PDB file of N, CA and C in Angstrom:
ATOM      1  N   MET A   1     -14.973  10.591 -14.004  1.00  0.00           N
ATOM      2  CA  MET A   1     -13.986   9.235 -14.094  1.00  0.00           C
ATOM      3  C   MET A   1     -12.941   8.865 -13.317  1.00  0.00           C
ATOM      4  N   PHE A   2     -12.728   9.312 -12.404  1.00  0.00           N
ATOM      5  CA  PHE A   2     -11.506   8.669 -11.500  1.00  0.00           C
ATOM      6  C   PHE A   2     -12.479   7.009 -10.923  1.00  0.00           C
ATOM      7  N   ARG A   3     -13.737   7.776 -10.733  1.00  0.00           N
ATOM      8  CA  ARG A   3     -14.500   6.770 -10.041  1.00  0.00           C
ATOM      9  C   ARG A   3     -14.563   6.381 -10.638  1.00  0.00           C
ATOM     10  N   TRP A   4     -15.192   5.733 -12.137  1.00  0.00           N
ATOM     11  CA  TRP A   4     -15.412   4.877 -13.337  1.00  0.00           C
ATOM     12  C   TRP A   4     -14.404   4.043 -13.370  1.00  0.00           C
ATOM     13  N   ILE A   5     -12.991   4.564 -13.215  1.00  0.00           N
ATOM     14  CA  ILE A   5     -11.898   4.228 -13.084  1.00  0.00           C
ATOM     15  C   ILE A   5     -11.884   3.247 -11.928  1.00  0.00           C
ATOM     16  N   LEU A   6     -11.810   3.598 -10.689  1.00  0.00           N
ATOM     17  CA  LEU A   6     -11.731   2.887  -9.303  1.00  0.00           C
ATOM     18  C   LEU A   6     -12.879   1.288  -9.398  1.00  0.00           C
ATOM     19  N   LEU A   7     -14.184   1.568  -9.968  1.00  0.00           N
ATOM     20  CA  LEU A   7     -15.160   0.979  -9.992  1.00  0.00           C
ATOM     21  C   LEU A   7     -14.855  -0.024 -11.171  1.00  0.00           C
ATOM     22  N   LEU A   8     -14.102  -0.102 -12.461  1.00  0.00           N
ATOM     23  CA  LEU A   8     -13.810  -1.519 -13.020  1.00  0.00           C
ATOM     24  C   LEU A   8     -12.746  -1.608 -12.723  1.00  0.00           C
ATOM     25  N   LEU A   9     -11.242  -1.390 -11.994  1.00  0.00           N
ATOM     26  CA  LEU A   9     -11.035  -1.828 -11.075  1.00  0.00           C
ATOM     27  C   LEU A   9     -10.866  -3.275 -10.860  1.00  0.00           C
ATOM     28  N   PHE A  10     -11.885  -2.904  -9.456  1.00  0.00           N
ATOM     29  CA  PHE A  10     -12.571  -3.561  -8.554  1.00  0.00           C
ATOM     30  C   PHE A  10     -13.110  -4.400  -9.244  1.00  0.00           C
ATOM     31  N   VAL A  11     -14.099  -4.386 -10.117  1.00  0.00           N
ATOM     32  CA  VAL A  11     -14.680  -5.330 -10.656  1.00  0.00           C
ATOM     33  C   VAL A  11     -14.072  -6.284 -11.436  1.00  0.00           C
ATOM     34  N   VAL A  12     -12.998  -6.287 -11.822  1.00  0.00           N
ATOM     35  CA  VAL A  12     -11.555  -7.058 -11.717  1.00  0.00           C
ATOM     36  C   VAL A  12     -11.105  -7.540 -11.689  1.00  0.00           C
ATOM     37  N   ALA A  13     -11.326  -6.988 -10.109  1.00  0.00           N
ATOM     38  CA  ALA A  13      -9.771  -7.559  -9.214  1.00  0.00           C
ATOM     39  C   ALA A  13     -11.632  -8.368  -8.415  1.00  0.00           C
ATOM     40  N   VAL A  14     -12.342  -8.074  -8.514  1.00  0.00           N
ATOM     41  CA  VAL A  14     -13.311  -9.497  -7.419  1.00  0.00           C
ATOM     42  C   VAL A  14     -13.561 -10.763  -9.107  1.00  0.00           C
ATOM     43  N   ALA A  15     -13.199 -10.666 -10.467  1.00  0.00           N
ATOM     44  CA  ALA A  15     -13.675 -11.290 -10.783  1.00  0.00           C
ATOM     45  C   ALA A  15     -12.236 -12.236 -11.200  1.00  0.00           C
ATOM     46  N   ALA A  16     -11.635 -11.521 -10.988  1.00  0.00           N
ATOM     47  CA  ALA A  16      -9.900 -12.353 -11.185  1.00  0.00           C
ATOM     48  C   ALA A  16      -9.660 -13.327  -9.219  1.00  0.00           C
ATOM     49  N   GLY A  17     -10.228 -12.248  -8.246  1.00  0.00           N
ATOM     50  CA  GLY A  17     -10.351 -13.156  -6.932  1.00  0.00           C
ATOM     51  C   GLY A  17     -11.235 -14.746  -7.093  1.00  0.00           C
ATOM     52  N   LEU A  18     -12.193 -14.848  -7.974  1.00  0.00           N
ATOM     53  CA  LEU A  18     -13.438 -15.654  -8.270  1.00  0.00           C
ATOM     54  C   LEU A  18     -12.498 -16.443  -8.706  1.00  0.00           C
ATOM     55  N   ALA A  19     -11.654 -15.603  -9.663  1.00  0.00           N
ATOM     56  CA  ALA A  19     -11.540 -17.213 -10.858  1.00  0.00           C
ATOM     57  C   ALA A  19     -10.547 -17.873 -10.373  1.00  0.00           C
ATOM     58  N   VAL A  20      -9.330 -17.196  -9.412  1.00  0.00           N
ATOM     59  CA  VAL A  20      -8.912 -17.723  -8.446  1.00  0.00           C
ATOM     60  C   VAL A  20      -8.767 -18.921  -7.528  1.00  0.00           C
ATOM     61  N   GLY A  21      -9.815 -18.070  -6.351  1.00  0.00           N
ATOM     62  CA  GLY A  21     -10.998 -19.024  -5.556  1.00  0.00           C
ATOM     63  C   GLY A  21     -12.221 -20.423  -6.444  1.00  0.00           C
ATOM     64  N   ALA A  22     -12.565 -20.214  -7.472  1.00  0.00           N
ATOM     65  CA  ALA A  22     -13.066 -21.428  -8.247  1.00  0.00           C
ATOM     66  C   ALA A  22     -12.304 -22.425  -8.430  1.00  0.00           C
ATOM     67  N   LEU A  23     -11.187 -22.087  -8.950  1.00  0.00           N
ATOM     68  CA  LEU A  23      -9.809 -22.738 -10.422  1.00  0.00           C
ATOM     69  C   LEU A  23      -9.380 -23.404  -9.332  1.00  0.00           C
ATOM     70  N   ASN A  24      -9.293 -23.338  -8.207  1.00  0.00           N
ATOM     71  CA  ASN A  24      -8.185 -24.025  -6.998  1.00  0.00           C
ATOM     72  C   ASN A  24      -9.250 -24.085  -5.763  1.00  0.00           C
ATOM     73  N   PRO A  25     -10.148 -25.382  -5.590  1.00  0.00           N
ATOM     74  CA  PRO A  25     -10.068 -25.233  -4.504  1.00  0.00           C
ATOM     75  C   PRO A  25     -10.399 -26.329  -3.316  1.00  0.00           C
ATOM     76  N   ASP A  26      -8.986 -26.656  -4.016  1.00  0.00           N
ATOM     77  CA  ASP A  26      -8.071 -27.683  -2.448  1.00  0.00           C
ATOM     78  C   ASP A  26      -7.694 -26.858  -1.851  1.00  0.00           C
ATOM     79  N   SER A  27      -7.916 -27.936  -0.618  1.00  0.00           N
ATOM     80  CA  SER A  27      -8.090 -27.161   0.958  1.00  0.00           C
ATOM     81  C   SER A  27      -5.912 -27.222   1.110  1.00  0.00           C
ATOM     82  N   VAL A  28      -5.689 -26.563   1.328  1.00  0.00           N
ATOM     83  CA  VAL A  28      -4.343 -26.797   2.321  1.00  0.00           C
ATOM     84  C   VAL A  28      -3.689 -26.308   3.811  1.00  0.00           C
ATOM     85  N   THR A  29      -2.678 -27.182   4.470  1.00  0.00           N
ATOM     86  CA  THR A  29      -2.653 -26.902   5.756  1.00  0.00           C
ATOM     87  C   THR A  29      -1.584 -25.276   5.121  1.00  0.00           C
ATOM     88  N   LEU A  30      -1.289 -24.554   6.102  1.00  0.00           N
ATOM     89  CA  LEU A  30      -0.770 -24.041   6.443  1.00  0.00           C
ATOM     90  C   LEU A  30       0.221 -23.434   7.516  1.00  0.00           C
ATOM     91  N   ASP A  31       0.585 -24.373   8.230  1.00  0.00           N
ATOM     92  CA  ASP A  31       1.848 -24.607   9.035  1.00  0.00           C
ATOM     93  C   ASP A  31       2.243 -23.864  10.192  1.00  0.00           C
ATOM     94  N   LEU A  32       2.077 -22.723  10.401  1.00  0.00           N
ATOM     95  CA  LEU A  32       3.639 -21.899  11.594  1.00  0.00           C
ATOM     96  C   LEU A  32       3.303 -22.473  12.328  1.00  0.00           C
ATOM     97  N   ALA A  33       4.218 -21.381  13.273  1.00  0.00           N
ATOM     98  CA  ALA A  33       4.852 -21.721  14.571  1.00  0.00           C
ATOM     99  C   ALA A  33       3.962 -22.291  15.166  1.00  0.00           C
ATOM    100  N   VAL A  34       2.485 -21.514  15.851  1.00  0.00           N
ATOM    101  CA  VAL A  34       2.540 -21.615  17.508  1.00  0.00           C
ATOM    102  C   VAL A  34       0.877 -22.454  16.455  1.00  0.00           C
ATOM    103  N   ALA A  35       0.265 -22.009  14.643  1.00  0.00           N
ATOM    104  CA  ALA A  35      -0.938 -22.811  14.847  1.00  0.00           C
ATOM    105  C   ALA A  35      -0.600 -23.901  13.720  1.00  0.00           C
ATOM    106  N   ARG A  36      -2.143 -24.255  12.871  1.00  0.00           N
ATOM    107  CA  ARG A  36      -2.712 -24.513  11.686  1.00  0.00           C
ATOM    108  C   ARG A  36      -3.818 -23.771  11.155  1.00  0.00           C
ATOM    109  N   ILE A  37      -3.094 -23.664  10.158  1.00  0.00           N
ATOM    110  CA  ILE A  37      -4.891 -23.272  10.038  1.00  0.00           C
ATOM    111  C   ILE A  37      -4.742 -23.914   7.856  1.00  0.00           C
ATOM    112  N   ALA A  38      -5.763 -24.124   7.767  1.00  0.00           N
ATOM    113  CA  ALA A  38      -6.410 -25.067   7.363  1.00  0.00           C
ATOM    114  C   ALA A  38      -7.609 -24.125   5.868  1.00  0.00           C
ATOM    115  N   LEU A  39      -6.863 -23.815   4.833  1.00  0.00           N
ATOM    116  CA  LEU A  39      -7.489 -22.473   3.809  1.00  0.00           C
ATOM    117  C   LEU A  39      -7.908 -23.378   2.698  1.00  0.00           C
ATOM    118  N   PRO A  40      -8.434 -22.818   1.581  1.00  0.00           N
ATOM    119  CA  PRO A  40      -9.008 -23.199   0.012  1.00  0.00           C
ATOM    120  C   PRO A  40      -7.222 -22.360  -0.299  1.00  0.00           C
ATOM    121  N   LEU A  41      -6.751 -23.389  -1.822  1.00  0.00           N
ATOM    122  CA  LEU A  41      -6.203 -22.512  -1.810  1.00  0.00           C
ATOM    123  C   LEU A  41      -5.701 -21.171  -3.202  1.00  0.00           C
ATOM    124  N   GLY A  42      -6.885 -21.617  -3.709  1.00  0.00           N
ATOM    125  CA  GLY A  42      -7.334 -19.875  -3.745  1.00  0.00           C
ATOM    126  C   GLY A  42      -7.487 -18.687  -3.103  1.00  0.00           C
ATOM    127  N   ALA A  43      -7.970 -19.038  -1.704  1.00  0.00           N
ATOM    128  CA  ALA A  43      -8.090 -18.018  -0.780  1.00  0.00           C
ATOM    129  C   ALA A  43      -6.064 -17.650   0.423  1.00  0.00           C
ATOM    130  N   LEU A  44      -5.425 -19.176   0.268  1.00  0.00           N
ATOM    131  CA  LEU A  44      -4.328 -19.241   0.118  1.00  0.00           C
ATOM    132  C   LEU A  44      -3.656 -17.873  -0.751  1.00  0.00           C
ATOM    133  N   VAL A  45      -3.606 -18.389  -1.182  1.00  0.00           N
ATOM    134  CA  VAL A  45      -3.267 -16.969  -2.607  1.00  0.00           C
ATOM    135  C   VAL A  45      -3.803 -15.803  -2.472  1.00  0.00           C
ATOM    136  N   LEU A  46      -4.855 -15.703  -2.698  1.00  0.00           N
ATOM    137  CA  LEU A  46      -5.752 -14.063  -2.457  1.00  0.00           C
ATOM    138  C   LEU A  46      -4.487 -13.636  -1.160  1.00  0.00           C
ATOM    139  N   CYS A  47      -5.359 -13.770  -0.030  1.00  0.00           N
ATOM    140  CA  CYS A  47      -4.750 -13.859   1.351  1.00  0.00           C
ATOM    141  C   CYS A  47      -2.994 -13.081   0.859  1.00  0.00           C
ATOM    142  N   ALA A  48      -2.151 -14.633   0.180  1.00  0.00           N
ATOM    143  CA  ALA A  48      -0.480 -13.346   0.115  1.00  0.00           C
ATOM    144  C   ALA A  48       0.039 -12.702  -0.527  1.00  0.00           C
ATOM    145  N   LEU A  49      -1.449 -12.418  -2.048  1.00  0.00           N
ATOM    146  CA  LEU A  49      -1.354 -10.973  -2.738  1.00  0.00           C
ATOM    147  C   LEU A  49      -1.424  -9.855  -2.097  1.00  0.00           C
ATOM    148  N   ALA A  50      -2.716 -10.211  -1.306  1.00  0.00           N
ATOM    149  CA  ALA A  50      -3.196  -9.339  -0.591  1.00  0.00           C
ATOM    150  C   ALA A  50      -1.791  -8.546   0.577  1.00  0.00           C
ATOM    151  N   VAL A  51      -1.345  -9.155   0.788  1.00  0.00           N
ATOM    152  CA  VAL A  51       0.148  -9.378   2.025  1.00  0.00           C
ATOM    153  C   VAL A  51       0.961  -7.981   1.156  1.00  0.00           C
ATOM    154  N   GLY A  52       1.057  -9.065   0.501  1.00  0.00           N
ATOM    155  CA  GLY A  52       2.023  -8.154  -0.707  1.00  0.00           C
ATOM    156  C   GLY A  52       1.918  -6.646  -0.458  1.00  0.00           C
ATOM    157  N   THR A  53       1.051  -6.840  -1.297  1.00  0.00           N
ATOM    158  CA  THR A  53       0.418  -5.524  -1.843  1.00  0.00           C
ATOM    159  C   THR A  53       0.434  -4.317  -0.324  1.00  0.00           C
ATOM    160  N   VAL A  54      -0.347  -4.553   0.148  1.00  0.00           N
ATOM    161  CA  VAL A  54       0.340  -3.665   1.200  1.00  0.00           C
ATOM    162  C   VAL A  54       1.231  -3.733   1.633  1.00  0.00           C
ATOM    163  N   CYS A  55       2.040  -4.352   2.131  1.00  0.00           N
ATOM    164  CA  CYS A  55       3.805  -4.750   2.592  1.00  0.00           C
ATOM    165  C   CYS A  55       4.304  -3.695   1.362  1.00  0.00           C
ATOM    166  N   GLY A  56       3.972  -3.454   0.401  1.00  0.00           N
ATOM    167  CA  GLY A  56       4.957  -3.099  -0.958  1.00  0.00           C
ATOM    168  C   GLY A  56       3.746  -1.576  -0.487  1.00  0.00           C
ATOM    169  N   LEU A  57       2.868  -1.243  -0.563  1.00  0.00           N
ATOM    170  CA  LEU A  57       2.341   0.203  -0.413  1.00  0.00           C
ATOM    171  C   LEU A  57       3.025   1.106   0.400  1.00  0.00           C
ATOM    172  N   VAL A  58       3.073   0.281   1.798  1.00  0.00           N
ATOM    173  CA  VAL A  58       3.448   0.291   3.871  1.00  0.00           C
ATOM    174  C   VAL A  58       5.047   1.302   3.101  1.00  0.00           C
ATOM    175  N   LEU A  59       5.821   0.070   2.611  1.00  0.00           N
ATOM    176  CA  LEU A  59       7.387   0.281   1.878  1.00  0.00           C
ATOM    177  C   LEU A  59       7.398   1.606   1.183  1.00  0.00           C
ATOM    178  N   ALA A  60       6.865   1.682   0.231  1.00  0.00           N
ATOM    179  CA  ALA A  60       6.492   3.074  -0.501  1.00  0.00           C
ATOM    180  C   ALA A  60       6.224   4.479   0.019  1.00  0.00           C
ATOM    181  N   TRP A  61       5.651   3.671   0.494  1.00  0.00           N
ATOM    182  CA  TRP A  61       5.172   5.035   1.557  1.00  0.00           C
ATOM    183  C   TRP A  61       6.608   5.788   2.785  1.00  0.00           C
ATOM    184  N   LEU A  62       6.750   4.717   2.605  1.00  0.00           N
ATOM    185  CA  LEU A  62       8.016   5.111   3.753  1.00  0.00           C
ATOM    186  C   LEU A  62       9.455   5.804   2.807  1.00  0.00           C
ATOM    187  N   LEU A  63       9.425   4.788   2.720  1.00  0.00           N
ATOM    188  CA  LEU A  63      10.575   5.102   1.554  1.00  0.00           C
ATOM    189  C   LEU A  63      10.694   6.773   0.175  1.00  0.00           C
ATOM    190  N   PHE A  64       9.544   7.213  -0.300  1.00  0.00           N
ATOM    191  CA  PHE A  64       9.195   7.925  -1.097  1.00  0.00           C
ATOM    192  C   PHE A  64       8.725   8.421  -0.123  1.00  0.00           C
ATOM    193  N   VAL A  65       7.736   8.452  -0.497  1.00  0.00           N
ATOM    194  CA  VAL A  65       5.973   9.617   0.446  1.00  0.00           C
ATOM    195  C   VAL A  65       7.003  10.672   1.525  1.00  0.00           C
ATOM    196  N   ILE A  66       7.569   9.836   2.881  1.00  0.00           N
ATOM    197  CA  ILE A  66       7.188  10.101   4.237  1.00  0.00           C
ATOM    198  C   ILE A  66       9.049  10.933   3.814  1.00  0.00           C
ATOM    199  N   PRO A  67       9.750  10.986   2.774  1.00  0.00           N
ATOM    200  CA  PRO A  67      10.619  11.848   2.643  1.00  0.00           C
ATOM    201  C   PRO A  67      11.028  12.977   2.027  1.00  0.00           C
ATOM    202  N   GLY A  68       9.660  12.800   1.237  1.00  0.00           N
ATOM    203  CA  GLY A  68       9.460  13.584   0.282  1.00  0.00           C
ATOM    204  C   GLY A  68       8.371  14.972   0.481  1.00  0.00           C
ATOM    205  N   LYS A  69       7.862  14.157   1.621  1.00  0.00           N
ATOM    206  CA  LYS A  69       7.146  15.553   2.031  1.00  0.00           C
ATOM    207  C   LYS A  69       8.472  16.480   3.734  1.00  0.00           C
ATOM    208  N   LEU A  70       9.573  16.002   4.088  1.00  0.00           N
ATOM    209  CA  LEU A  70      10.107  16.416   5.097  1.00  0.00           C
ATOM    210  C   LEU A  70      10.925  16.839   4.310  1.00  0.00           C
ATOM    211  N   LYS A  71      11.375  16.767   3.050  1.00  0.00           N
ATOM    212  CA  LYS A  71      12.193  18.168   1.908  1.00  0.00           C
ATOM    213  C   LYS A  71      11.555  18.439   1.967  1.00  0.00           C
ATOM    214  N   ALA A  72      10.160  18.655   1.291  1.00  0.00           N
ATOM    215  CA  ALA A  72       9.187  20.245   1.280  1.00  0.00           C
ATOM    216  C   ALA A  72       9.557  20.629   1.964  1.00  0.00           C
ATOM    217  N   ALA A  73       9.215  19.978   3.111  1.00  0.00           N
ATOM    218  CA  ALA A  73       8.315  20.998   4.308  1.00  0.00           C
ATOM    219  C   ALA A  73      10.428  21.972   4.626  1.00  0.00           C
ATOM    220  N   ARG A  74      11.515  21.149   4.750  1.00  0.00           N
ATOM    221  CA  ARG A  74      12.693  21.920   4.655  1.00  0.00           C
ATOM    222  C   ARG A  74      12.765  23.153   4.208  1.00  0.00           C
ATOM    223  N   ARG A  75      12.204  22.622   2.500  1.00  0.00           N
ATOM    224  CA  ARG A  75      12.594  24.054   1.529  1.00  0.00           C
ATOM    225  C   ARG A  75      11.644  25.347   1.947  1.00  0.00           C
ATOM    226  N   ARG A  76      10.661  24.212   2.204  1.00  0.00           N
ATOM    227  CA  ARG A  76       9.820  25.864   2.606  1.00  0.00           C
ATOM    228  C   ARG A  76       9.953  26.761   3.622  1.00  0.00           C
ATOM    229  N   ARG A  77      10.733  26.283   4.705  1.00  0.00           N
ATOM    230  CA  ARG A  77      11.199  27.162   6.017  1.00  0.00           C
ATOM    231  C   ARG A  77      13.458  27.584   5.335  1.00  0.00           C
ATOM    232  N   ALA A  78      13.688  27.354   4.799  1.00  0.00           N
ATOM    233  CA  ALA A  78      14.144  27.989   4.478  1.00  0.00           C
ATOM    234  C   ALA A  78      14.036  28.870   3.256  1.00  0.00           C
ATOM    235  N   ASP A  79      13.171  28.969   2.972  1.00  0.00           N
ATOM    236  CA  ASP A  79      12.058  30.069   1.950  1.00  0.00           C
ATOM    237  C   ASP A  79      11.349  30.915   2.643  1.00  0.00           C
ATOM    238  N   LYS A  80      11.315  30.445   3.877  1.00  0.00           N
ATOM    239  CA  LYS A  80      10.331  31.754   4.261  1.00  0.00           C
ATOM    240  C   LYS A  80      11.864  32.806   4.725  1.00  0.00           C
ATOM    241  N   GLU A  81      12.714  31.880   6.321  1.00  0.00           N
ATOM    242  CA  GLU A  81      13.639  32.329   6.485  1.00  0.00           C
ATOM    243  C   GLU A  81      14.562  33.392   5.361  1.00  0.00           C
ATOM    244  N   SER A  82      14.504  32.726   4.115  1.00  0.00           N
ATOM    245  CA  SER A  82      15.480  33.706   3.723  1.00  0.00           C
ATOM    246  C   SER A  82      14.405  35.229   3.403  1.00  0.00           C
ATOM    247  N   ALA A  83      13.364  35.028   2.900  1.00  0.00           N
ATOM    248  CA  ALA A  83      12.529  36.070   2.703  1.00  0.00           C
ATOM    249  C   ALA A  83      11.917  37.030   3.794  1.00  0.00           C
ATOM    250  N   LEU A  84      12.583  36.436   4.743  1.00  0.00           N
ATOM    251  CA  LEU A  84      12.278  37.401   6.192  1.00  0.00           C
ATOM    252  C   LEU A  84      13.121  38.736   5.879  1.00  0.00           C
ATOM    253  N   PRO A  85      12.565  40.193   5.957  1.00  0.00           N
ATOM    254  CA  PRO A  85      13.738  41.322   6.045  1.00  0.00           C
ATOM    255  C   PRO A  85      14.664  41.292   7.174  1.00  0.00           C
ATOM    256  N   ALA A  86      15.781  41.305   6.385  1.00  0.00           N
ATOM    257  CA  ALA A  86      17.024  41.683   7.738  1.00  0.00           C
ATOM    258  C   ALA A  86      16.251  42.246   9.030  1.00  0.00           C
ATOM    259  N   ASP A  87      17.015  42.442  10.260  1.00  0.00           N
ATOM    260  CA  ASP A  87      17.512  42.729  11.295  1.00  0.00           C
ATOM    261  C   ASP A  87      17.184  44.537  11.206  1.00  0.00           C
ATOM    262  N   PRO A  88      17.172  45.735  11.770  1.00  0.00           N
ATOM    263  CA  PRO A  88      17.413  46.913  10.987  1.00  0.00           C
ATOM    264  C   PRO A  88      18.640  46.906  12.336  1.00  0.00           C
ATOM    265  N   ASN A  89      17.836  46.240  13.675  1.00  0.00           N
ATOM    266  CA  ASN A  89      19.352  46.434  14.861  1.00  0.00           C
ATOM    267  C   ASN A  89      19.672  45.896  14.727  1.00  0.00           C
ATOM    268  N   ALA A  90      20.289  44.646  14.200  1.00  0.00           N
ATOM    269  CA  ALA A  90      21.811  44.121  14.190  1.00  0.00           C
ATOM    270  C   ALA A  90      22.825  44.704  13.052  1.00  0.00           C
TER     271      ALA A  90
END
């Protein structure tokens, strides 16, 4: 079921990309500090969307996933230490 949903999302994304590319064929020049890049407007929009998506996913991973895993590891370590039997020699 999950594969079918991913396949459907992939097909929708490809169709949207083709539509954006076909509806925006005009060439634009992206002037960077060290270079100029001439791209079709549709390609530039899709590249900006892809870069924004990747940046958002990386930030979400850094801000939510990693701290959650660290907190769970600390909690597991604390539970493990509290479950140890008392030292009879102490």
